């Protein structure tokens, strides 16, 4: 079986789910280029919990965890099957305490991207939550443990944003970024390409740019699971390297077995 890639997508606004734009076209292109997954293990910024939870239901519900958007968005139903089998395997792989939880489902951090990558909704999807109380190294270690799923045909998918500060959004900077946003996004990209993950785990020491780019870590931490699941020999592809609204970046990373 082909070893699956690992993917991090900057998902941005939920409206991307129903738009045809540069980001959504890139997501479609990526899906056409990589092997079709047996299942998808998604770590979304929008399932931010106390402790690590794993969704193991057979039919996960579509979660509409956003407000004030067009009705069309709330009528979208990403009714992909779940994967109790791989959820169970994921729980066996993770050495820290985890619990099954079926109160969540597939949230917009996941489905706003997957609706473009796999619109037929045929690939099983299960989510693993982001533990709000765990330090960066813990998220990275869980990613390392989950990396064995790659050999089972599972796409490990992190979805958030490298830079995500909604309090600093500037609607006049539709495709521009503040200097601090560009600086932090470049800092992360440089260290990913150099494979100096320790610098990324210690991102809080980077200074003011890091404080502004990551005021809360919910959208940043999914990247750490992805990095943990990579191998030193993986080919690194950077995509959607674009700031939006001043204080967000859409930068994504694909790591493929080389």
C-alpha atoms as a PDB file:
ATOM      1  CA  UNK A   1       0.000   0.000   0.000  1.00  0.00           C
ATOM      2  CA  UNK A   2       1.223   3.488  -0.874  1.00  0.00           C
ATOM      3  CA  UNK A   3       2.217   5.548   2.140  1.00  0.00           C
ATOM      4  CA  UNK A   4      -0.204   8.437   2.356  1.00  0.00           C
ATOM      5  CA  UNK A   5       0.861  12.083   2.451  1.00  0.00           C
ATOM      6  CA  UNK A   6       0.237  14.413   5.364  1.00  0.00           C
ATOM      7  CA  UNK A   7      -1.643  17.652   4.719  1.00  0.00           C
ATOM      8  CA  UNK A   8      -2.142  20.961   6.476  1.00  0.00           C
ATOM      9  CA  UNK A   9      -4.625  23.403   4.961  1.00  0.00           C
ATOM     10  CA  UNK A  10      -5.239  26.986   5.942  1.00  0.00           C
ATOM     11  CA  UNK A  11      -9.022  26.869   5.726  1.00  0.00           C
ATOM     12  CA  UNK A  12      -9.849  30.534   6.260  1.00  0.00           C
ATOM     13  CA  UNK A  13     -13.463  31.649   6.049  1.00  0.00           C
ATOM     14  CA  UNK A  14     -16.263  29.052   5.925  1.00  0.00           C
ATOM     15  CA  UNK A  15     -17.472  30.817   2.785  1.00  0.00           C
ATOM     16  CA  UNK A  16     -14.677  29.028   0.912  1.00  0.00           C
ATOM     17  CA  UNK A  17     -16.898  25.940   1.042  1.00  0.00           C
ATOM     18  CA  UNK A  18     -19.254  27.429  -1.552  1.00  0.00           C
ATOM     19  CA  UNK A  19     -16.814  29.525  -3.569  1.00  0.00           C
ATOM     20  CA  UNK A  20     -14.638  28.871  -6.589  1.00  0.00           C
ATOM     21  CA  UNK A  21     -11.430  30.762  -5.864  1.00  0.00           C
ATOM     22  CA  UNK A  22      -7.658  30.336  -5.890  1.00  0.00           C
ATOM     23  CA  UNK A  23      -7.705  28.417  -2.602  1.00  0.00           C
ATOM     24  CA  UNK A  24     -10.485  25.997  -3.452  1.00  0.00           C
ATOM     25  CA  UNK A  25      -9.027  25.277  -6.882  1.00  0.00           C
ATOM     26  CA  UNK A  26      -5.715  24.385  -5.248  1.00  0.00           C
ATOM     27  CA  UNK A  27      -7.458  22.004  -2.834  1.00  0.00           C
ATOM     28  CA  UNK A  28      -9.096  20.297  -5.801  1.00  0.00           C
ATOM     29  CA  UNK A  29      -5.756  20.039  -7.592  1.00  0.00           C
ATOM     30  CA  UNK A  30      -4.069  18.472  -4.579  1.00  0.00           C
ATOM     31  CA  UNK A  31      -6.763  15.809  -4.292  1.00  0.00           C
ATOM     32  CA  UNK A  32      -6.222  14.873  -7.931  1.00  0.00           C
ATOM     33  CA  UNK A  33      -2.464  14.540  -7.401  1.00  0.00           C
ATOM     34  CA  UNK A  34      -2.271  12.450  -4.239  1.00  0.00           C
ATOM     35  CA  UNK A  35      -3.388   8.828  -3.799  1.00  0.00           C
ATOM     36  CA  UNK A  36      -7.018   8.413  -2.794  1.00  0.00           C
ATOM     37  CA  UNK A  37      -7.149   7.829   0.969  1.00  0.00           C
ATOM     38  CA  UNK A  38      -8.721   4.819   2.619  1.00  0.00           C
ATOM     39  CA  UNK A  39      -9.862   7.227   5.346  1.00  0.00           C
ATOM     40  CA  UNK A  40      -9.150  10.755   6.557  1.00  0.00           C
ATOM     41  CA  UNK A  41      -8.066  11.603  10.095  1.00  0.00           C
ATOM     42  CA  UNK A  42      -8.805  15.291  10.572  1.00  0.00           C
ATOM     43  CA  UNK A  43      -7.439  17.475  13.350  1.00  0.00           C
ATOM     44  CA  UNK A  44      -9.507  20.657  13.171  1.00  0.00           C
ATOM     45  CA  UNK A  45      -9.026  23.960  14.954  1.00  0.00           C
ATOM     46  CA  UNK A  46     -12.759  23.947  15.613  1.00  0.00           C
ATOM     47  CA  UNK A  47     -12.836  20.905  17.892  1.00  0.00           C
ATOM     48  CA  UNK A  48     -10.924  22.478  20.764  1.00  0.00           C
ATOM     49  CA  UNK A  49     -11.496  20.547  23.954  1.00  0.00           C
ATOM     50  CA  UNK A  50     -10.294  19.566  27.390  1.00  0.00           C
ATOM     51  CA  UNK A  51      -8.281  16.421  26.759  1.00  0.00           C
ATOM     52  CA  UNK A  52      -7.927  14.509  23.505  1.00  0.00           C
ATOM     53  CA  UNK A  53     -11.191  13.186  22.097  1.00  0.00           C
ATOM     54  CA  UNK A  54     -11.688  10.843  19.149  1.00  0.00           C
ATOM     55  CA  UNK A  55     -14.935  10.669  17.180  1.00  0.00           C
ATOM     56  CA  UNK A  56     -15.771   7.048  16.398  1.00  0.00           C
ATOM     57  CA  UNK A  57     -19.333   7.216  15.102  1.00  0.00           C
ATOM     58  CA  UNK A  58     -20.351   5.451  11.891  1.00  0.00           C
ATOM     59  CA  UNK A  59     -22.329   8.433  10.580  1.00  0.00           C
ATOM     60  CA  UNK A  60     -20.871  11.727  11.841  1.00  0.00           C
ATOM     61  CA  UNK A  61     -23.140  14.753  11.642  1.00  0.00           C
ATOM     62  CA  UNK A  62     -22.237  17.931   9.783  1.00  0.00           C
ATOM     63  CA  UNK A  63     -21.431  20.633  12.345  1.00  0.00           C
ATOM     64  CA  UNK A  64     -22.328  24.255  11.514  1.00  0.00           C
ATOM     65  CA  UNK A  65     -20.035  25.966  13.993  1.00  0.00           C
ATOM     66  CA  UNK A  66     -20.239  29.464  12.472  1.00  0.00           C
ATOM     67  CA  UNK A  67     -22.694  32.332  12.503  1.00  0.00           C
ATOM     68  CA  UNK A  68     -23.945  35.044  10.161  1.00  0.00           C
ATOM     69  CA  UNK A  69     -23.157  33.389   6.832  1.00  0.00           C
ATOM     70  CA  UNK A  70     -25.423  32.834   3.786  1.00  0.00           C
ATOM     71  CA  UNK A  71     -28.155  30.217   4.208  1.00  0.00           C
ATOM     72  CA  UNK A  72     -26.567  28.174   1.407  1.00  0.00           C
ATOM     73  CA  UNK A  73     -23.712  27.342   3.738  1.00  0.00           C
ATOM     74  CA  UNK A  74     -26.019  25.880   6.382  1.00  0.00           C
ATOM     75  CA  UNK A  75     -27.744  23.752   3.771  1.00  0.00           C
ATOM     76  CA  UNK A  76     -24.479  22.059   2.804  1.00  0.00           C
ATOM     77  CA  UNK A  77     -24.366  18.527   4.193  1.00  0.00           C
ATOM     78  CA  UNK A  78     -21.020  16.771   4.204  1.00  0.00           C
ATOM     79  CA  UNK A  79     -22.401  13.348   5.027  1.00  0.00           C
ATOM     80  CA  UNK A  80     -19.259  11.287   4.582  1.00  0.00           C
ATOM     81  CA  UNK A  81     -19.194   8.058   6.604  1.00  0.00           C
ATOM     82  CA  UNK A  82     -17.167   7.824   9.783  1.00  0.00           C
ATOM     83  CA  UNK A  83     -14.464   5.277  10.480  1.00  0.00           C
ATOM     84  CA  UNK A  84     -14.838   3.476  13.812  1.00  0.00           C
ATOM     85  CA  UNK A  85     -12.109   1.064  12.691  1.00  0.00           C
ATOM     86  CA  UNK A  86      -9.439   3.716  12.224  1.00  0.00           C
ATOM     87  CA  UNK A  87     -10.693   5.738  15.193  1.00  0.00           C
ATOM     88  CA  UNK A  88     -10.017   2.646  17.310  1.00  0.00           C
ATOM     89  CA  UNK A  89      -6.565   2.224  15.781  1.00  0.00           C
ATOM     90  CA  UNK A  90      -5.809   5.900  16.433  1.00  0.00           C
ATOM     91  CA  UNK A  91      -6.750   5.460  20.089  1.00  0.00           C
ATOM     92  CA  UNK A  92      -4.421   2.459  20.329  1.00  0.00           C
ATOM     93  CA  UNK A  93      -1.555   4.474  18.833  1.00  0.00           C
ATOM     94  CA  UNK A  94      -1.871   7.521  21.086  1.00  0.00           C
ATOM     95  CA  UNK A  95      -0.149   6.813  24.397  1.00  0.00           C
ATOM     96  CA  UNK A  96      -1.668   9.710  26.343  1.00  0.00           C
ATOM     97  CA  UNK A  97      -5.186   9.417  27.706  1.00  0.00           C
ATOM     98  CA  UNK A  98      -7.924   9.715  25.069  1.00  0.00           C
ATOM     99  CA  UNK A  99     -11.673   9.229  25.091  1.00  0.00           C
ATOM    100  CA  UNK A 100     -14.212   8.476  22.415  1.00  0.00           C
ATOM    101  CA  UNK A 101     -16.736  11.261  21.905  1.00  0.00           C
ATOM    102  CA  UNK A 102     -19.609  11.286  19.430  1.00  0.00           C
ATOM    103  CA  UNK A 103     -21.089  14.642  20.448  1.00  0.00           C
ATOM    104  CA  UNK A 104     -19.161  16.362  17.654  1.00  0.00           C
ATOM    105  CA  UNK A 105     -18.992  15.442  13.983  1.00  0.00           C
ATOM    106  CA  UNK A 106     -17.382  16.951  10.875  1.00  0.00           C
ATOM    107  CA  UNK A 107     -16.986  20.695  11.448  1.00  0.00           C
ATOM    108  CA  UNK A 108     -16.463  23.498   8.953  1.00  0.00           C
ATOM    109  CA  UNK A 109     -12.700  23.477   9.444  1.00  0.00           C
ATOM    110  CA  UNK A 110     -12.821  20.020   7.896  1.00  0.00           C
ATOM    111  CA  UNK A 111     -15.739  20.089   5.474  1.00  0.00           C
ATOM    112  CA  UNK A 112     -15.021  23.518   3.961  1.00  0.00           C
ATOM    113  CA  UNK A 113     -11.857  21.976   2.496  1.00  0.00           C
ATOM    114  CA  UNK A 114     -12.979  18.389   1.904  1.00  0.00           C
ATOM    115  CA  UNK A 115     -16.086  19.490  -0.022  1.00  0.00           C
ATOM    116  CA  UNK A 116     -13.649  20.604  -2.721  1.00  0.00           C
ATOM    117  CA  UNK A 117     -11.151  17.783  -2.398  1.00  0.00           C
ATOM    118  CA  UNK A 118     -13.653  14.930  -2.154  1.00  0.00           C
ATOM    119  CA  UNK A 119     -17.066  16.293  -3.181  1.00  0.00           C
ATOM    120  CA  UNK A 120     -18.538  12.814  -3.569  1.00  0.00           C
ATOM    121  CA  UNK A 121     -18.162  12.381   0.217  1.00  0.00           C
ATOM    122  CA  UNK A 122     -17.264   8.731  -0.222  1.00  0.00           C
ATOM    123  CA  UNK A 123     -14.107   8.659   1.922  1.00  0.00           C
ATOM    124  CA  UNK A 124     -14.617   7.941   5.650  1.00  0.00           C
ATOM    125  CA  UNK A 125     -13.692  10.844   7.922  1.00  0.00           C
ATOM    126  CA  UNK A 126     -13.069  10.889  11.657  1.00  0.00           C
ATOM    127  CA  UNK A 127     -11.887  13.804  13.754  1.00  0.00           C
ATOM    128  CA  UNK A 128      -9.460  14.016  16.657  1.00  0.00           C
ATOM    129  CA  UNK A 129      -9.804  17.037  18.922  1.00  0.00           C
ATOM    130  CA  UNK A 130      -7.148  19.574  19.839  1.00  0.00           C
ATOM    131  CA  UNK A 131      -6.452  19.489  23.577  1.00  0.00           C
ATOM    132  CA  UNK A 132      -6.577  23.119  24.666  1.00  0.00           C
ATOM    133  CA  UNK A 133      -4.554  22.331  27.805  1.00  0.00           C
ATOM    134  CA  UNK A 134      -1.656  20.434  26.226  1.00  0.00           C
ATOM    135  CA  UNK A 135       1.680  22.117  25.395  1.00  0.00           C
ATOM    136  CA  UNK A 136       2.959  22.266  21.807  1.00  0.00           C
ATOM    137  CA  UNK A 137       5.256  19.265  22.280  1.00  0.00           C
ATOM    138  CA  UNK A 138       2.282  17.089  23.235  1.00  0.00           C
ATOM    139  CA  UNK A 139       0.426  17.848  19.994  1.00  0.00           C
ATOM    140  CA  UNK A 140       3.581  17.110  18.038  1.00  0.00           C
ATOM    141  CA  UNK A 141       4.086  13.800  19.863  1.00  0.00           C
ATOM    142  CA  UNK A 142       0.526  12.707  19.130  1.00  0.00           C
ATOM    143  CA  UNK A 143       1.219  13.439  15.472  1.00  0.00           C
ATOM    144  CA  UNK A 144       4.311  11.234  15.656  1.00  0.00           C
ATOM    145  CA  UNK A 145       2.250   8.402  17.104  1.00  0.00           C
ATOM    146  CA  UNK A 146      -0.476   8.809  14.504  1.00  0.00           C
ATOM    147  CA  UNK A 147       2.070   8.703  11.666  1.00  0.00           C
ATOM    148  CA  UNK A 148       1.656   4.917  11.477  1.00  0.00           C
ATOM    149  CA  UNK A 149      -1.804   5.556  10.039  1.00  0.00           C
ATOM    150  CA  UNK A 150      -0.070   6.734   6.865  1.00  0.00           C
ATOM    151  CA  UNK A 151       0.941   3.137   6.156  1.00  0.00           C
ATOM    152  CA  UNK A 152      -2.720   2.108   6.392  1.00  0.00           C
ATOM    153  CA  UNK A 153      -3.809   4.513   3.662  1.00  0.00           C
ATOM    154  CA  UNK A 154      -5.052   7.201   6.058  1.00  0.00           C
ATOM    155  CA  UNK A 155      -4.601  10.866   5.143  1.00  0.00           C
ATOM    156  CA  UNK A 156      -3.624  12.801   8.268  1.00  0.00           C
ATOM    157  CA  UNK A 157      -5.184  16.206   7.742  1.00  0.00           C
ATOM    158  CA  UNK A 158      -4.647  19.282   9.893  1.00  0.00           C
ATOM    159  CA  UNK A 159      -6.902  22.264   9.270  1.00  0.00           C
ATOM    160  CA  UNK A 160      -6.492  25.717  10.817  1.00  0.00           C
ATOM    161  CA  UNK A 161      -4.402  28.762   9.879  1.00  0.00           C
ATOM    162  CA  UNK A 162      -0.757  29.567  10.553  1.00  0.00           C
ATOM    163  CA  UNK A 163      -1.732  33.205  11.176  1.00  0.00           C
ATOM    164  CA  UNK A 164      -5.205  33.724  12.621  1.00  0.00           C
ATOM    165  CA  UNK A 165      -6.081  36.915  14.466  1.00  0.00           C
ATOM    166  CA  UNK A 166      -9.721  37.837  13.887  1.00  0.00           C
ATOM    167  CA  UNK A 167      -9.465  40.832  16.202  1.00  0.00           C
ATOM    168  CA  UNK A 168      -7.037  42.475  13.773  1.00  0.00           C
ATOM    169  CA  UNK A 169      -8.958  41.788  10.550  1.00  0.00           C
ATOM    170  CA  UNK A 170      -8.853  44.692   8.077  1.00  0.00           C
ATOM    171  CA  UNK A 171     -11.559  44.381   5.412  1.00  0.00           C
ATOM    172  CA  UNK A 172      -9.615  46.822   3.203  1.00  0.00           C
ATOM    173  CA  UNK A 173      -6.704  44.359   2.948  1.00  0.00           C
ATOM    174  CA  UNK A 174      -8.486  41.605   1.067  1.00  0.00           C
ATOM    175  CA  UNK A 175      -5.309  40.009  -0.293  1.00  0.00           C
ATOM    176  CA  UNK A 176      -2.722  41.741   1.856  1.00  0.00           C
ATOM    177  CA  UNK A 177      -1.075  40.937   5.133  1.00  0.00           C
ATOM    178  CA  UNK A 178       0.268  43.055   7.944  1.00  0.00           C
ATOM    179  CA  UNK A 179       4.056  42.990   8.247  1.00  0.00           C
ATOM    180  CA  UNK A 180       3.886  40.875  11.412  1.00  0.00           C
ATOM    181  CA  UNK A 181       1.599  38.348   9.712  1.00  0.00           C
ATOM    182  CA  UNK A 182       3.967  37.945   6.783  1.00  0.00           C
ATOM    183  CA  UNK A 183       6.954  37.760   9.119  1.00  0.00           C
ATOM    184  CA  UNK A 184       5.484  34.953  11.214  1.00  0.00           C
ATOM    185  CA  UNK A 185       4.231  33.018   8.214  1.00  0.00           C
ATOM    186  CA  UNK A 186       7.740  33.230   6.719  1.00  0.00           C
ATOM    187  CA  UNK A 187       9.272  32.121  10.025  1.00  0.00           C
ATOM    188  CA  UNK A 188       7.123  28.992  10.032  1.00  0.00           C
ATOM    189  CA  UNK A 189       7.741  28.260   6.356  1.00  0.00           C
ATOM    190  CA  UNK A 190      11.511  28.656   6.738  1.00  0.00           C
ATOM    191  CA  UNK A 191      11.616  26.242   9.661  1.00  0.00           C
ATOM    192  CA  UNK A 192       9.345  23.706   7.977  1.00  0.00           C
ATOM    193  CA  UNK A 193      11.574  23.657   4.903  1.00  0.00           C
ATOM    194  CA  UNK A 194      14.683  23.424   7.107  1.00  0.00           C
ATOM    195  CA  UNK A 195      12.935  20.711   9.191  1.00  0.00           C
ATOM    196  CA  UNK A 196      13.833  22.610  12.359  1.00  0.00           C
ATOM    197  CA  UNK A 197      10.593  21.709  14.095  1.00  0.00           C
ATOM    198  CA  UNK A 198      11.925  22.599  17.525  1.00  0.00           C
ATOM    199  CA  UNK A 199      11.835  26.275  16.549  1.00  0.00           C
ATOM    200  CA  UNK A 200       8.175  25.885  15.579  1.00  0.00           C
ATOM    201  CA  UNK A 201       7.319  24.161  18.856  1.00  0.00           C
ATOM    202  CA  UNK A 202       8.926  27.113  20.637  1.00  0.00           C
ATOM    203  CA  UNK A 203       7.099  29.646  18.462  1.00  0.00           C
ATOM    204  CA  UNK A 204       6.066  31.632  21.530  1.00  0.00           C
ATOM    205  CA  UNK A 205       9.681  32.718  21.973  1.00  0.00           C
ATOM    206  CA  UNK A 206       9.718  34.380  18.554  1.00  0.00           C
ATOM    207  CA  UNK A 207       8.367  37.641  19.927  1.00  0.00           C
ATOM    208  CA  UNK A 208       5.712  40.156  18.988  1.00  0.00           C
ATOM    209  CA  UNK A 209       4.988  38.708  15.547  1.00  0.00           C
ATOM    210  CA  UNK A 210       4.167  35.351  17.135  1.00  0.00           C
ATOM    211  CA  UNK A 211       1.971  36.974  19.773  1.00  0.00           C
ATOM    212  CA  UNK A 212      -0.036  38.776  17.119  1.00  0.00           C
ATOM    213  CA  UNK A 213      -0.173  35.834  14.692  1.00  0.00           C
ATOM    214  CA  UNK A 214      -1.228  33.304  17.334  1.00  0.00           C
ATOM    215  CA  UNK A 215      -3.259  35.158  19.979  1.00  0.00           C
ATOM    216  CA  UNK A 216      -4.903  31.805  20.762  1.00  0.00           C
ATOM    217  CA  UNK A 217      -3.373  28.527  19.577  1.00  0.00           C
ATOM    218  CA  UNK A 218      -6.503  26.729  18.364  1.00  0.00           C
ATOM    219  CA  UNK A 219      -5.838  27.397  14.667  1.00  0.00           C
ATOM    220  CA  UNK A 220      -2.084  26.892  14.975  1.00  0.00           C
ATOM    221  CA  UNK A 221      -1.923  23.606  16.864  1.00  0.00           C
ATOM    222  CA  UNK A 222      -3.299  21.408  14.031  1.00  0.00           C
ATOM    223  CA  UNK A 223      -0.079  22.177  12.157  1.00  0.00           C
ATOM    224  CA  UNK A 224       1.905  20.546  14.975  1.00  0.00           C
ATOM    225  CA  UNK A 225       0.079  17.213  14.592  1.00  0.00           C
ATOM    226  CA  UNK A 226       0.875  17.312  10.887  1.00  0.00           C
ATOM    227  CA  UNK A 227       4.548  18.089  11.450  1.00  0.00           C
ATOM    228  CA  UNK A 228       4.796  15.287  13.980  1.00  0.00           C
ATOM    229  CA  UNK A 229       3.431  12.831  11.420  1.00  0.00           C
ATOM    230  CA  UNK A 230       6.015  13.725   8.784  1.00  0.00           C
ATOM    231  CA  UNK A 231       9.229  11.899   7.947  1.00  0.00           C
ATOM    232  CA  UNK A 232      12.602  13.512   7.373  1.00  0.00           C
ATOM    233  CA  UNK A 233      12.552  12.202   3.808  1.00  0.00           C
ATOM    234  CA  UNK A 234       9.131  13.598   2.877  1.00  0.00           C
ATOM    235  CA  UNK A 235       8.952  16.003  -0.026  1.00  0.00           C
ATOM    236  CA  UNK A 236       7.563  19.373   1.118  1.00  0.00           C
ATOM    237  CA  UNK A 237       5.157  21.346  -1.055  1.00  0.00           C
ATOM    238  CA  UNK A 238       3.939  24.800  -0.020  1.00  0.00           C
ATOM    239  CA  UNK A 239       0.609  25.942  -1.469  1.00  0.00           C
ATOM    240  CA  UNK A 240      -1.903  28.782  -1.085  1.00  0.00           C
ATOM    241  CA  UNK A 241       0.784  31.054   0.297  1.00  0.00           C
ATOM    242  CA  UNK A 242      -1.475  34.075   0.513  1.00  0.00           C
ATOM    243  CA  UNK A 243      -2.411  36.534   3.278  1.00  0.00           C
ATOM    244  CA  UNK A 244      -6.020  37.670   3.552  1.00  0.00           C
ATOM    245  CA  UNK A 245      -7.654  40.531   5.454  1.00  0.00           C
ATOM    246  CA  UNK A 246      -4.348  41.609   6.944  1.00  0.00           C
ATOM    247  CA  UNK A 247      -4.281  39.189   9.846  1.00  0.00           C
ATOM    248  CA  UNK A 248      -4.758  35.705   8.363  1.00  0.00           C
ATOM    249  CA  UNK A 249      -2.680  33.515   6.089  1.00  0.00           C
ATOM    250  CA  UNK A 250      -3.955  30.653   3.958  1.00  0.00           C
ATOM    251  CA  UNK A 251      -0.592  28.892   3.645  1.00  0.00           C
ATOM    252  CA  UNK A 252      -0.804  25.128   3.387  1.00  0.00           C
ATOM    253  CA  UNK A 253       1.720  22.290   3.387  1.00  0.00           C
ATOM    254  CA  UNK A 254       1.730  18.891   1.737  1.00  0.00           C
ATOM    255  CA  UNK A 255       4.275  16.248   2.800  1.00  0.00           C
ATOM    256  CA  UNK A 256       4.584  13.305   0.415  1.00  0.00           C
ATOM    257  CA  UNK A 257       6.567  10.088   0.742  1.00  0.00           C
ATOM    258  CA  UNK A 258       9.722  10.451  -1.276  1.00  0.00           C
END
